[in-house]
Amino acid sequence: MRGRAALLLVTAGCVGAEFVRQPDQRPCAETVRPAPSPSAEALEVGSALSAFVAAVERRDFERAYALLDGASRRRYSPGRLEADFALEPRGAALVGRLKAALGRPITVSGGRATLVVAEGRVAAAVHESDGWHVQSLDDALSVK
């Protein structure tokens, strides 16, 4: 029986008790490298995106407006942002999609960051003098 158990372990690619003292060329478990930790910048971007989602969900459009990038703040007001979310169901869907993607890796390059929210689509943030701000909830993924 002992030989049979050892044969099963060797056949499965694992080390049997009698082989403990010898290195096995086929380890029982594959080496899994942990995912790299996000950079401090990526964590800051994630915080800004999360804060935007939370503000919209609370219907705190003053706060959501403050989290928009400068170009968007010039085009919007807190009232217009609120009206757009009330009138356009797609806005809530985009925020929901962003919320679902928040655990994914964030790519930071220069002063711009992206988070894949759907196939070929990203949410984007830009770094301004006072931190990271939401630029877009639905931008085309550009491959460079």
Protein backbone atom coordinates (compact mmCIF):
# COMPACT_ATOMS: atom_id res chain seq x y z
CA MET A 1 0.00 0.00 0.00
CA ARG A 2 2.85 2.36 0.86
CA GLY A 3 4.36 1.93 -2.60
CA ARG A 4 0.99 2.55 -4.21
CA ALA A 5 0.52 5.84 -2.31
CA ALA A 6 4.00 6.98 -3.29
CA LEU A 7 3.26 6.04 -6.91
CA LEU A 8 0.06 8.11 -6.82
CA LEU A 9 1.95 11.09 -5.44
CA VAL A 10 4.71 10.80 -8.03
CA THR A 11 2.18 10.31 -10.83
CA ALA A 12 0.34 13.43 -9.68
CA GLY A 13 3.61 15.33 -9.78
CA CYS A 14 3.92 15.71 -6.03
CA VAL A 15 6.64 14.72 -3.62
CA GLY A 16 5.99 11.62 -1.50
CA ALA A 17 7.25 11.30 2.08
CA GLU A 18 10.22 9.17 0.97
CA PHE A 19 11.32 11.89 -1.43
CA VAL A 20 11.33 14.76 1.08
CA ARG A 21 15.11 14.80 1.23
CA GLN A 22 15.45 15.03 -2.55
CA PRO A 23 14.46 18.04 -4.64
CA ASP A 24 11.55 17.24 -6.93
CA GLN A 25 11.65 18.63 -10.44
CA ARG A 26 7.86 18.85 -10.47
CA PRO A 27 6.60 20.77 -7.43
CA CYS A 28 3.12 20.10 -6.08
CA ALA A 29 2.01 23.66 -6.50
CA GLU A 30 2.92 26.19 -9.13
CA THR A 31 4.68 29.26 -7.91
CA VAL A 32 2.23 32.14 -7.98
CA ARG A 33 3.66 35.61 -7.98
CA PRO A 34 1.56 38.09 -6.08
CA ALA A 35 0.09 40.93 -8.09
CA PRO A 36 2.21 44.04 -7.83
CA SER A 37 1.06 46.53 -5.23
CA PRO A 38 -0.53 49.64 -6.69
CA SER A 39 1.64 52.74 -6.70
CA ALA A 40 0.88 55.65 -4.39
CA GLU A 41 -0.39 57.57 -7.44
CA ALA A 42 -2.72 54.73 -8.43
CA LEU A 43 -4.10 54.64 -4.88
CA GLU A 44 -4.72 58.41 -5.02
CA VAL A 45 -6.53 58.03 -8.35
CA GLY A 46 -8.61 55.20 -6.93
CA SER A 47 -9.55 57.37 -3.96
CA ALA A 48 -10.65 60.22 -6.24
CA LEU A 49 -12.72 57.88 -8.42
CA SER A 50 -14.28 56.23 -5.35
CA ALA A 51 -15.09 59.63 -3.85
CA PHE A 52 -16.80 60.64 -7.10
CA VAL A 53 -18.91 57.47 -7.13
CA ALA A 54 -19.85 57.96 -3.47
CA ALA A 55 -20.80 61.61 -4.05
CA VAL A 56 -23.05 60.76 -7.00
CA GLU A 57 -24.68 57.90 -5.07
CA ARG A 58 -25.39 60.31 -2.18
CA ARG A 59 -26.64 62.84 -4.73
CA ASP A 60 -24.04 65.27 -3.39
CA PHE A 61 -23.47 67.03 -6.70
CA GLU A 62 -21.49 69.87 -5.09
CA ARG A 63 -18.86 67.29 -4.06
CA ALA A 64 -19.08 65.40 -7.36
CA TYR A 65 -18.61 68.69 -9.23
CA ALA A 66 -15.50 69.49 -7.14
CA LEU A 67 -14.02 66.14 -8.18
CA LEU A 68 -14.35 66.88 -11.92
CA ASP A 69 -11.33 68.10 -13.86
CA GLY A 70 -11.01 71.81 -14.68
CA ALA A 71 -12.30 71.50 -18.26
CA SER A 72 -15.44 69.68 -17.06
CA ARG A 73 -15.99 72.22 -14.26
CA ARG A 74 -15.93 75.00 -16.88
CA ARG A 75 -18.68 73.21 -18.87
CA TYR A 76 -20.81 72.17 -15.90
CA SER A 77 -22.27 73.51 -12.69
CA PRO A 78 -23.37 71.36 -9.75
CA GLY A 79 -26.99 72.00 -10.79
CA ARG A 80 -26.40 70.96 -14.38
CA LEU A 81 -24.53 67.86 -13.24
CA GLU A 82 -27.47 66.91 -11.04
CA ALA A 83 -29.94 67.57 -13.86
CA ASP A 84 -27.92 65.48 -16.29
CA PHE A 85 -27.85 62.53 -13.88
CA ALA A 86 -31.60 62.91 -13.28
CA LEU A 87 -32.49 63.09 -16.98
CA GLU A 88 -29.98 60.68 -18.49
CA PRO A 89 -30.15 57.06 -17.23
CA ARG A 90 -26.82 56.36 -18.93
CA GLY A 91 -25.08 58.52 -16.28
CA ALA A 92 -26.14 56.21 -13.47
CA ALA A 93 -25.09 53.21 -15.57
CA LEU A 94 -21.64 54.72 -16.16
CA VAL A 95 -21.18 55.41 -12.45
CA GLY A 96 -22.30 51.84 -11.67
CA ARG A 97 -19.82 50.48 -14.19
CA LEU A 98 -17.06 52.60 -12.64
CA LYS A 99 -17.98 51.38 -9.16
CA ALA A 100 -17.79 47.76 -10.30
CA ALA A 101 -14.33 48.37 -11.81
CA LEU A 102 -12.76 50.08 -8.81
CA GLY A 103 -10.80 46.98 -7.74
CA ARG A 104 -9.03 46.69 -11.09
CA PRO A 105 -5.52 48.00 -11.73
CA ILE A 106 -5.18 51.68 -12.56
CA THR A 107 -2.67 52.76 -15.18
CA VAL A 108 -0.90 56.04 -14.48
CA SER A 109 1.16 57.69 -17.18
CA GLY A 110 2.34 61.23 -16.74
CA GLY A 111 -0.52 63.29 -15.42
CA ARG A 112 -3.26 60.99 -16.72
CA ALA A 113 -4.68 57.79 -15.26
CA THR A 114 -7.06 55.25 -16.71
CA LEU A 115 -9.13 52.42 -15.31
CA VAL A 116 -10.62 49.84 -17.67
CA VAL A 117 -14.38 49.81 -17.06
CA ALA A 118 -15.48 47.71 -20.06
CA GLU A 119 -13.91 46.16 -23.13
CA GLY A 120 -12.18 48.99 -24.95
CA ARG A 121 -13.53 51.64 -22.53
CA VAL A 122 -11.87 53.44 -19.62
CA ALA A 123 -12.65 55.97 -16.94
CA ALA A 124 -9.99 58.68 -16.95
CA ALA A 125 -8.59 61.04 -14.34
CA VAL A 126 -6.06 63.84 -14.65
CA HIS A 127 -3.68 65.29 -12.10
CA GLU A 128 -4.19 68.97 -11.39
CA SER A 129 -2.53 71.27 -8.86
CA ASP A 130 -4.83 70.09 -6.05
CA GLY A 131 -4.83 66.36 -6.85
CA TRP A 132 -6.57 63.86 -9.13
CA HIS A 133 -9.85 64.76 -10.82
CA VAL A 134 -12.33 62.79 -12.93
CA GLN A 135 -11.96 63.59 -16.62
CA SER A 136 -14.26 60.98 -18.16
CA LEU A 137 -16.46 58.07 -17.16
CA ASP A 138 -16.45 56.63 -20.67
CA ASP A 139 -13.40 57.16 -22.85
CA ALA A 140 -11.96 55.02 -25.61
CA LEU A 141 -9.04 52.86 -24.55
CA SER A 142 -6.03 54.08 -26.49
CA VAL A 143 -3.27 51.56 -27.07
CA LYS A 144 0.16 53.04 -27.57
